[in-house]
Amino acid sequence: MRQLVPAVGVLTVLTMVLAADLMAQSKPSFAGKWTLVTNAAAPGGRGRLAQDFTVTQNDKTITTTTENPERPDLNAVYNLDGSESSNPVTFNGQTIQQLTTVKWDGSKLVMTTAINFNGTAYEAIQIWSLDASGNLAIEMTTDLAGAPGPKKLTYKKA
């Protein structure tokens, strides 16, 4: 019986540590209107994102919306359950399907997008996180010609 008491104590402590770890890795909400913080040192290119965009988020999807009526194809809906999302974009008069898979890596959102343009496959990755100031930090890498990665963009909540 004496050996059982220390074992129960150890299990209780491990359960508490595991629960604290899971709470620390909670999934943040990226919802809100975001404005790009200008950084002269950062390379250009924003992928699907605009200078200003709005994010809506629920348990199943995250949606990005721009206020540019000339580029409604920059709006996108991504599934948060790991299934593939298809969002078309127009480039040089050609509509291209972008297939994106989203997964959580702790408190970071990782979006991996596959693009096939004129028979050539490309991949782009965006990693979204909130920094200590509450800004949206997006790290992007891509193998698109002329847009080598990685780049880091910071957006401030409007």
N, C-alpha and C. Protein backbone atom coordinates (compact mmCIF):
# COMPACT_ATOMS: atom_id res chain seq x y z
N MET A 1 0.81 -1.19 0.00
CA MET A 1 0.00 0.00 0.00
C MET A 1 0.85 1.25 0.00
N ARG A 2 2.00 1.19 0.68
CA ARG A 2 2.88 2.36 0.73
C ARG A 2 3.40 2.72 -0.65
N GLN A 3 3.67 1.75 -1.49
CA GLN A 3 4.19 2.04 -2.82
C GLN A 3 3.12 2.66 -3.72
N LEU A 4 1.87 2.39 -3.44
CA LEU A 4 0.78 2.94 -4.23
C LEU A 4 0.64 4.46 -4.02
N VAL A 5 0.83 4.94 -2.82
CA VAL A 5 0.69 6.37 -2.51
C VAL A 5 1.67 7.21 -3.32
N PRO A 6 2.98 6.89 -3.35
CA PRO A 6 3.89 7.69 -4.18
C PRO A 6 3.53 7.61 -5.67
N ALA A 7 3.09 6.46 -6.14
CA ALA A 7 2.73 6.32 -7.55
C ALA A 7 1.55 7.22 -7.89
N VAL A 8 0.54 7.28 -7.02
CA VAL A 8 -0.61 8.14 -7.25
C VAL A 8 -0.18 9.61 -7.23
N GLY A 9 0.73 9.97 -6.32
CA GLY A 9 1.25 11.34 -6.26
C GLY A 9 1.97 11.72 -7.54
N VAL A 10 2.78 10.83 -8.05
CA VAL A 10 3.52 11.08 -9.30
C VAL A 10 2.55 11.24 -10.47
N LEU A 11 1.54 10.37 -10.53
CA LEU A 11 0.54 10.48 -11.61
C LEU A 11 -0.22 11.80 -11.53
N THR A 12 -0.54 12.24 -10.34
CA THR A 12 -1.25 13.51 -10.16
C THR A 12 -0.40 14.67 -10.66
N VAL A 13 0.88 14.68 -10.29
CA VAL A 13 1.79 15.73 -10.73
C VAL A 13 1.95 15.71 -12.25
N LEU A 14 2.11 14.52 -12.83
CA LEU A 14 2.25 14.41 -14.29
C LEU A 14 1.00 14.90 -15.00
N THR A 15 -0.17 14.59 -14.47
CA THR A 15 -1.42 15.05 -15.06
C THR A 15 -1.50 16.57 -15.03
N MET A 16 -1.11 17.17 -13.91
CA MET A 16 -1.14 18.63 -13.78
C MET A 16 -0.17 19.28 -14.76
N VAL A 17 1.01 18.72 -14.91
CA VAL A 17 2.02 19.26 -15.83
C VAL A 17 1.51 19.16 -17.27
N LEU A 18 0.94 18.01 -17.62
CA LEU A 18 0.42 17.81 -18.97
C LEU A 18 -0.72 18.79 -19.25
N ALA A 19 -1.62 18.99 -18.31
CA ALA A 19 -2.73 19.93 -18.50
C ALA A 19 -2.21 21.35 -18.68
N ALA A 20 -1.20 21.74 -17.90
CA ALA A 20 -0.62 23.09 -18.04
C ALA A 20 0.03 23.25 -19.40
N ASP A 21 0.70 22.21 -19.89
CA ASP A 21 1.35 22.25 -21.19
C ASP A 21 0.31 22.39 -22.30
N LEU A 22 -0.79 21.66 -22.20
CA LEU A 22 -1.83 21.75 -23.21
C LEU A 22 -2.47 23.13 -23.22
N MET A 23 -2.67 23.72 -22.05
CA MET A 23 -3.25 25.05 -21.99
C MET A 23 -2.30 26.09 -22.59
N ALA A 24 -0.99 25.91 -22.41
CA ALA A 24 -0.01 26.84 -22.95
C ALA A 24 0.02 26.78 -24.47
N GLN A 25 -0.41 25.65 -25.05
CA GLN A 25 -0.39 25.49 -26.50
C GLN A 25 -1.76 25.74 -27.12
N SER A 26 -2.61 26.52 -26.46
CA SER A 26 -3.94 26.77 -26.99
C SER A 26 -3.85 27.46 -28.35
N LYS A 27 -4.87 27.22 -29.14
CA LYS A 27 -4.90 27.78 -30.48
C LYS A 27 -5.40 29.22 -30.42
N PRO A 28 -4.61 30.17 -30.92
CA PRO A 28 -5.02 31.57 -30.85
C PRO A 28 -6.07 31.89 -31.92
N SER A 29 -6.73 32.99 -31.74
CA SER A 29 -7.64 33.51 -32.76
C SER A 29 -6.90 34.60 -33.53
N PHE A 30 -6.92 34.46 -34.84
CA PHE A 30 -6.30 35.46 -35.71
C PHE A 30 -7.36 36.43 -36.25
N ALA A 31 -8.58 36.33 -35.73
CA ALA A 31 -9.69 37.16 -36.21
C ALA A 31 -9.40 38.64 -36.00
N GLY A 32 -9.80 39.44 -36.98
CA GLY A 32 -9.65 40.88 -36.89
C GLY A 32 -9.22 41.47 -38.22
N LYS A 33 -9.11 42.77 -38.24
CA LYS A 33 -8.62 43.47 -39.43
C LYS A 33 -7.14 43.76 -39.21
N TRP A 34 -6.32 43.43 -40.21
CA TRP A 34 -4.87 43.54 -40.09
C TRP A 34 -4.31 44.48 -41.14
N THR A 35 -3.31 45.28 -40.76
CA THR A 35 -2.64 46.22 -41.65
C THR A 35 -1.15 45.92 -41.63
N LEU A 36 -0.56 45.83 -42.81
CA LEU A 36 0.86 45.53 -42.94
C LEU A 36 1.71 46.61 -42.29
N VAL A 37 2.66 46.19 -41.47
CA VAL A 37 3.64 47.11 -40.88
C VAL A 37 4.77 47.22 -41.90
N THR A 38 5.01 48.43 -42.39
CA THR A 38 6.04 48.63 -43.41
C THR A 38 7.42 48.41 -42.82
N ASN A 39 8.19 47.61 -43.54
CA ASN A 39 9.56 47.32 -43.12
C ASN A 39 10.42 47.35 -44.38
N ALA A 40 11.23 48.38 -44.52
CA ALA A 40 12.05 48.55 -45.72
C ALA A 40 13.03 47.40 -45.92
N ALA A 41 13.39 46.72 -44.84
CA ALA A 41 14.36 45.63 -44.95
C ALA A 41 13.71 44.33 -45.41
N ALA A 42 12.39 44.24 -45.31
CA ALA A 42 11.70 43.00 -45.68
C ALA A 42 11.55 42.93 -47.19
N PRO A 43 11.79 41.74 -47.78
CA PRO A 43 11.60 41.59 -49.22
C PRO A 43 10.12 41.68 -49.58
N GLY A 44 9.82 42.04 -50.81
CA GLY A 44 8.44 42.22 -51.26
C GLY A 44 7.70 40.91 -51.44
N GLY A 45 6.45 41.04 -51.78
CA GLY A 45 5.60 39.88 -52.03
C GLY A 45 4.83 39.48 -50.79
N ARG A 46 3.52 39.26 -50.97
CA ARG A 46 2.70 38.91 -49.83
C ARG A 46 1.88 37.67 -50.09
N GLY A 47 2.15 36.92 -51.14
CA GLY A 47 1.34 35.75 -51.43
C GLY A 47 -0.10 36.17 -51.68
N ARG A 48 -1.05 35.49 -51.05
CA ARG A 48 -2.47 35.82 -51.22
C ARG A 48 -2.85 37.04 -50.39
N LEU A 49 -2.00 37.53 -49.53
CA LEU A 49 -2.38 38.58 -48.61
C LEU A 49 -2.20 39.96 -49.23
N ALA A 50 -3.04 40.88 -48.79
CA ALA A 50 -2.98 42.26 -49.27
C ALA A 50 -2.36 43.14 -48.20
N GLN A 51 -2.24 44.41 -48.52
CA GLN A 51 -1.74 45.40 -47.56
C GLN A 51 -2.60 45.37 -46.30
N ASP A 52 -3.93 45.35 -46.50
CA ASP A 52 -4.89 45.25 -45.41
C ASP A 52 -5.80 44.05 -45.71
N PHE A 53 -6.12 43.27 -44.70
CA PHE A 53 -7.06 42.18 -44.89
C PHE A 53 -7.74 41.87 -43.56
N THR A 54 -8.86 41.19 -43.67
CA THR A 54 -9.65 40.82 -42.50
C THR A 54 -9.68 39.31 -42.39
N VAL A 55 -9.56 38.82 -41.16
CA VAL A 55 -9.62 37.39 -40.89
C VAL A 55 -10.85 37.12 -40.03
N THR A 56 -11.63 36.14 -40.45
CA THR A 56 -12.67 35.60 -39.59
C THR A 56 -12.29 34.15 -39.32
N GLN A 57 -12.58 33.69 -38.12
CA GLN A 57 -12.13 32.36 -37.73
C GLN A 57 -13.17 31.72 -36.81
N ASN A 58 -13.42 30.44 -37.04
CA ASN A 58 -14.23 29.65 -36.13
C ASN A 58 -13.53 28.30 -35.94
N ASP A 59 -14.19 27.35 -35.35
CA ASP A 59 -13.55 26.05 -35.09
C ASP A 59 -13.23 25.28 -36.36
N LYS A 60 -13.94 25.58 -37.46
CA LYS A 60 -13.80 24.79 -38.69
C LYS A 60 -13.01 25.46 -39.80
N THR A 61 -13.07 26.81 -39.87
CA THR A 61 -12.41 27.51 -40.98
C THR A 61 -11.77 28.80 -40.52
N ILE A 62 -10.85 29.25 -41.36
CA ILE A 62 -10.29 30.60 -41.24
C ILE A 62 -10.45 31.22 -42.63
N THR A 63 -10.97 32.46 -42.67
CA THR A 63 -11.26 33.14 -43.92
C THR A 63 -10.48 34.44 -43.98
N THR A 64 -9.81 34.69 -45.12
CA THR A 64 -9.13 35.97 -45.33
C THR A 64 -9.90 36.73 -46.40
N THR A 65 -10.15 38.02 -46.14
CA THR A 65 -10.92 38.85 -47.05
C THR A 65 -10.21 40.19 -47.22
N THR A 66 -10.07 40.61 -48.49
CA THR A 66 -9.49 41.92 -48.77
C THR A 66 -10.62 42.88 -49.13
N GLU A 67 -10.32 44.15 -49.10
CA GLU A 67 -11.30 45.14 -49.48
C GLU A 67 -10.99 45.69 -50.87
N ASN A 68 -10.35 44.89 -51.69
CA ASN A 68 -9.98 45.30 -53.04
C ASN A 68 -10.98 44.68 -54.02
N PRO A 69 -11.96 45.47 -54.51
CA PRO A 69 -12.96 44.92 -55.42
C PRO A 69 -12.38 44.44 -56.75
N GLU A 70 -11.18 44.90 -57.08
CA GLU A 70 -10.54 44.46 -58.33
C GLU A 70 -9.88 43.10 -58.19
N ARG A 71 -9.68 42.63 -56.96
CA ARG A 71 -9.02 41.34 -56.75
C ARG A 71 -9.80 40.48 -55.76
N PRO A 72 -11.06 40.14 -56.09
CA PRO A 72 -11.82 39.29 -55.18
C PRO A 72 -11.21 37.89 -55.04
N ASP A 73 -10.33 37.53 -55.98
CA ASP A 73 -9.69 36.21 -55.92
C ASP A 73 -8.65 36.13 -54.79
N LEU A 74 -8.37 37.25 -54.14
CA LEU A 74 -7.46 37.21 -53.00
C LEU A 74 -8.17 36.74 -51.72
N ASN A 75 -9.50 36.67 -51.77
CA ASN A 75 -10.26 36.16 -50.64
C ASN A 75 -10.14 34.63 -50.64
N ALA A 76 -10.05 34.06 -49.44
CA ALA A 76 -9.86 32.61 -49.36
C ALA A 76 -10.47 32.05 -48.09
N VAL A 77 -10.90 30.79 -48.17
CA VAL A 77 -11.41 30.06 -47.02
C VAL A 77 -10.55 28.80 -46.87
N TYR A 78 -10.05 28.59 -45.64
CA TYR A 78 -9.18 27.44 -45.36
C TYR A 78 -9.82 26.57 -44.29
N ASN A 79 -9.83 25.27 -44.52
CA ASN A 79 -10.35 24.31 -43.54
C ASN A 79 -9.32 24.11 -42.44
N LEU A 80 -9.77 24.09 -41.19
CA LEU A 80 -8.86 23.89 -40.06
C LEU A 80 -8.81 22.44 -39.59
N ASP A 81 -9.50 21.54 -40.30
CA ASP A 81 -9.53 20.14 -39.89
C ASP A 81 -8.47 19.28 -40.59
N GLY A 82 -7.57 19.94 -41.34
CA GLY A 82 -6.51 19.20 -42.04
C GLY A 82 -6.89 18.78 -43.45
N SER A 83 -8.16 18.97 -43.84
CA SER A 83 -8.55 18.62 -45.20
C SER A 83 -8.14 19.74 -46.16
N GLU A 84 -8.03 19.40 -47.42
CA GLU A 84 -7.56 20.33 -48.43
C GLU A 84 -8.62 21.39 -48.75
N SER A 85 -8.18 22.63 -48.91
CA SER A 85 -9.05 23.74 -49.32
C SER A 85 -8.61 24.18 -50.70
N SER A 86 -9.57 24.49 -51.56
CA SER A 86 -9.26 24.96 -52.91
C SER A 86 -9.69 26.41 -53.05
N ASN A 87 -8.73 27.26 -53.41
CA ASN A 87 -9.00 28.68 -53.59
C ASN A 87 -8.36 29.14 -54.89
N PRO A 88 -9.18 29.52 -55.89
CA PRO A 88 -8.62 29.95 -57.17
C PRO A 88 -8.04 31.36 -57.08
N VAL A 89 -7.04 31.60 -57.91
CA VAL A 89 -6.46 32.94 -58.04
C VAL A 89 -6.20 33.16 -59.53
N THR A 90 -6.31 34.41 -59.97
CA THR A 90 -6.08 34.74 -61.37
C THR A 90 -4.71 35.38 -61.52
N PHE A 91 -3.94 34.85 -62.46
CA PHE A 91 -2.60 35.37 -62.71
C PHE A 91 -2.40 35.43 -64.23
N ASN A 92 -2.09 36.61 -64.75
CA ASN A 92 -1.92 36.80 -66.19
C ASN A 92 -3.12 36.27 -66.98
N GLY A 93 -4.32 36.51 -66.47
CA GLY A 93 -5.53 36.09 -67.16
C GLY A 93 -5.85 34.62 -67.04
N GLN A 94 -5.07 33.88 -66.30
CA GLN A 94 -5.28 32.45 -66.15
C GLN A 94 -5.71 32.15 -64.71
N THR A 95 -6.76 31.34 -64.54
CA THR A 95 -7.21 30.96 -63.21
C THR A 95 -6.43 29.72 -62.76
N ILE A 96 -5.86 29.83 -61.59
CA ILE A 96 -5.04 28.75 -61.04
C ILE A 96 -5.66 28.30 -59.72
N GLN A 97 -5.81 26.99 -59.54
CA GLN A 97 -6.31 26.46 -58.28
C GLN A 97 -5.15 26.34 -57.30
N GLN A 98 -5.37 26.88 -56.13
CA GLN A 98 -4.40 26.72 -55.04
C GLN A 98 -5.00 25.74 -54.05
N LEU A 99 -4.31 24.68 -53.78
CA LEU A 99 -4.78 23.66 -52.85
C LEU A 99 -3.98 23.77 -51.56
N THR A 100 -4.68 24.10 -50.48
CA THR A 100 -4.01 24.39 -49.22
C THR A 100 -4.44 23.42 -48.13
N THR A 101 -3.47 22.95 -47.38
CA THR A 101 -3.71 22.13 -46.20
C THR A 101 -3.21 22.91 -44.99
N VAL A 102 -4.04 22.99 -43.95
CA VAL A 102 -3.72 23.75 -42.75
C VAL A 102 -3.59 22.80 -41.57
N LYS A 103 -2.58 23.05 -40.75
CA LYS A 103 -2.44 22.27 -39.51
C LYS A 103 -1.93 23.19 -38.41
N TRP A 104 -2.20 22.81 -37.19
CA TRP A 104 -1.70 23.55 -36.03
C TRP A 104 -0.40 22.94 -35.58
N ASP A 105 0.56 23.78 -35.26
CA ASP A 105 1.83 23.36 -34.65
C ASP A 105 1.93 24.14 -33.34
N GLY A 106 1.32 23.59 -32.29
CA GLY A 106 1.22 24.31 -31.03
C GLY A 106 0.31 25.51 -31.24
N SER A 107 0.82 26.72 -31.02
CA SER A 107 0.03 27.93 -31.20
C SER A 107 0.24 28.56 -32.58
N LYS A 108 0.96 27.88 -33.45
CA LYS A 108 1.21 28.39 -34.81
C LYS A 108 0.31 27.68 -35.81
N LEU A 109 -0.14 28.43 -36.80
CA LEU A 109 -0.95 27.89 -37.88
C LEU A 109 -0.05 27.74 -39.10
N VAL A 110 0.03 26.54 -39.65
CA VAL A 110 0.90 26.27 -40.79
C VAL A 110 0.03 25.97 -42.01
N MET A 111 0.15 26.81 -43.05
CA MET A 111 -0.60 26.64 -44.29
C MET A 111 0.37 26.22 -45.39
N THR A 112 0.14 25.05 -45.97
CA THR A 112 0.96 24.56 -47.07
C THR A 112 0.10 24.55 -48.32
N THR A 113 0.53 25.34 -49.33
CA THR A 113 -0.25 25.50 -50.55
C THR A 113 0.50 24.94 -51.75
N ALA A 114 -0.19 24.11 -52.52
CA ALA A 114 0.35 23.55 -53.76
C ALA A 114 -0.30 24.28 -54.93
N ILE A 115 0.54 24.68 -55.88
CA ILE A 115 0.09 25.42 -57.06
C ILE A 115 0.68 24.74 -58.29
N ASN A 116 -0.13 24.57 -59.34
CA ASN A 116 0.38 24.07 -60.60
C ASN A 116 0.15 25.15 -61.64
N PHE A 117 1.24 25.72 -62.14
CA PHE A 117 1.15 26.81 -63.11
C PHE A 117 1.87 26.40 -64.38
N ASN A 118 1.12 26.29 -65.47
CA ASN A 118 1.67 25.89 -66.77
C ASN A 118 2.46 24.58 -66.68
N GLY A 119 1.93 23.63 -65.92
CA GLY A 119 2.56 22.32 -65.82
C GLY A 119 3.70 22.22 -64.82
N THR A 120 4.01 23.30 -64.13
CA THR A 120 5.08 23.27 -63.13
C THR A 120 4.45 23.39 -61.74
N ALA A 121 4.83 22.48 -60.85
CA ALA A 121 4.29 22.48 -59.49
C ALA A 121 5.15 23.35 -58.59
N TYR A 122 4.47 24.13 -57.75
CA TYR A 122 5.14 24.98 -56.77
C TYR A 122 4.52 24.74 -55.40
N GLU A 123 5.27 25.07 -54.36
CA GLU A 123 4.75 24.95 -53.00
C GLU A 123 5.07 26.23 -52.24
N ALA A 124 4.11 26.69 -51.46
CA ALA A 124 4.29 27.87 -50.62
C ALA A 124 3.83 27.51 -49.21
N ILE A 125 4.57 27.98 -48.22
CA ILE A 125 4.23 27.72 -46.82
C ILE A 125 4.15 29.04 -46.09
N GLN A 126 3.06 29.20 -45.34
CA GLN A 126 2.89 30.36 -44.47
C GLN A 126 2.74 29.84 -43.04
N ILE A 127 3.46 30.44 -42.12
CA ILE A 127 3.34 30.10 -40.70
C ILE A 127 2.86 31.35 -39.99
N TRP A 128 1.65 31.27 -39.43
CA TRP A 128 1.04 32.39 -38.73
C TRP A 128 1.22 32.23 -37.24
N SER A 129 1.56 33.32 -36.57
CA SER A 129 1.64 33.33 -35.11
C SER A 129 1.38 34.75 -34.62
N LEU A 130 1.06 34.87 -33.35
CA LEU A 130 0.91 36.18 -32.73
C LEU A 130 2.15 36.44 -31.89
N ASP A 131 2.77 37.61 -32.09
CA ASP A 131 3.96 37.94 -31.31
C ASP A 131 3.56 38.49 -29.94
N ALA A 132 4.53 38.83 -29.13
CA ALA A 132 4.28 39.29 -27.76
C ALA A 132 3.44 40.56 -27.72
N SER A 133 3.47 41.35 -28.79
CA SER A 133 2.69 42.60 -28.86
C SER A 133 1.29 42.38 -29.41
N GLY A 134 0.97 41.15 -29.79
CA GLY A 134 -0.34 40.86 -30.38
C GLY A 134 -0.38 41.08 -31.88
N ASN A 135 0.77 41.34 -32.49
CA ASN A 135 0.84 41.50 -33.94
C ASN A 135 0.82 40.12 -34.60
N LEU A 136 0.29 40.08 -35.82
CA LEU A 136 0.28 38.86 -36.61
C LEU A 136 1.60 38.77 -37.36
N ALA A 137 2.38 37.74 -37.06
CA ALA A 137 3.65 37.51 -37.73
C ALA A 137 3.45 36.36 -38.71
N ILE A 138 3.81 36.58 -39.98
CA ILE A 138 3.66 35.55 -41.00
C ILE A 138 5.01 35.30 -41.63
N GLU A 139 5.49 34.07 -41.46
CA GLU A 139 6.74 33.64 -42.11
C GLU A 139 6.33 32.88 -43.37
N MET A 140 6.94 33.26 -44.50
CA MET A 140 6.57 32.64 -45.77
C MET A 140 7.81 32.10 -46.48
N THR A 141 7.65 30.91 -47.02
CA THR A 141 8.66 30.36 -47.91
C THR A 141 7.94 29.85 -49.15
N THR A 142 8.61 29.93 -50.27
CA THR A 142 8.03 29.47 -51.52
C THR A 142 9.14 29.07 -52.47
N ASP A 143 8.81 28.19 -53.39
CA ASP A 143 9.77 27.85 -54.43
C ASP A 143 9.37 28.48 -55.77
N LEU A 144 8.48 29.49 -55.72
CA LEU A 144 8.12 30.21 -56.94
C LEU A 144 9.32 31.02 -57.44
N ALA A 145 9.52 31.01 -58.74
CA ALA A 145 10.61 31.78 -59.33
C ALA A 145 10.42 33.26 -59.03
N GLY A 146 11.48 33.93 -58.65
CA GLY A 146 11.43 35.35 -58.39
C GLY A 146 10.91 35.70 -57.01
N ALA A 147 10.55 34.70 -56.21
CA ALA A 147 10.02 34.96 -54.87
C ALA A 147 10.62 33.99 -53.87
N PRO A 148 11.97 33.93 -53.82
CA PRO A 148 12.58 32.97 -52.90
C PRO A 148 12.30 33.36 -51.46
N GLY A 149 12.23 32.37 -50.60
CA GLY A 149 11.94 32.64 -49.19
C GLY A 149 13.20 32.51 -48.38
N PRO A 150 13.12 32.59 -47.13
CA PRO A 150 11.90 32.93 -46.40
C PRO A 150 11.75 34.44 -46.25
N LYS A 151 10.53 34.88 -45.97
CA LYS A 151 10.24 36.27 -45.68
C LYS A 151 9.38 36.31 -44.43
N LYS A 152 9.43 37.41 -43.75
CA LYS A 152 8.60 37.57 -42.57
C LYS A 152 7.87 38.89 -42.67
N LEU A 153 6.56 38.83 -42.56
CA LEU A 153 5.72 40.01 -42.60
C LEU A 153 5.06 40.18 -41.25
N THR A 154 4.86 41.44 -40.84
CA THR A 154 4.18 41.72 -39.58
C THR A 154 2.97 42.58 -39.88
N TYR A 155 1.84 42.20 -39.31
CA TYR A 155 0.60 42.94 -39.47
C TYR A 155 0.13 43.38 -38.08
N LYS A 156 -0.32 44.62 -38.02
CA LYS A 156 -0.84 45.20 -36.78
C LYS A 156 -2.36 45.19 -36.86
N LYS A 157 -3.00 44.87 -35.73
CA LYS A 157 -4.45 44.86 -35.69
C LYS A 157 -4.98 46.28 -35.76
N ALA A 158 -5.92 46.50 -36.68
CA ALA A 158 -6.48 47.84 -36.88
C ALA A 158 -7.56 48.13 -35.85
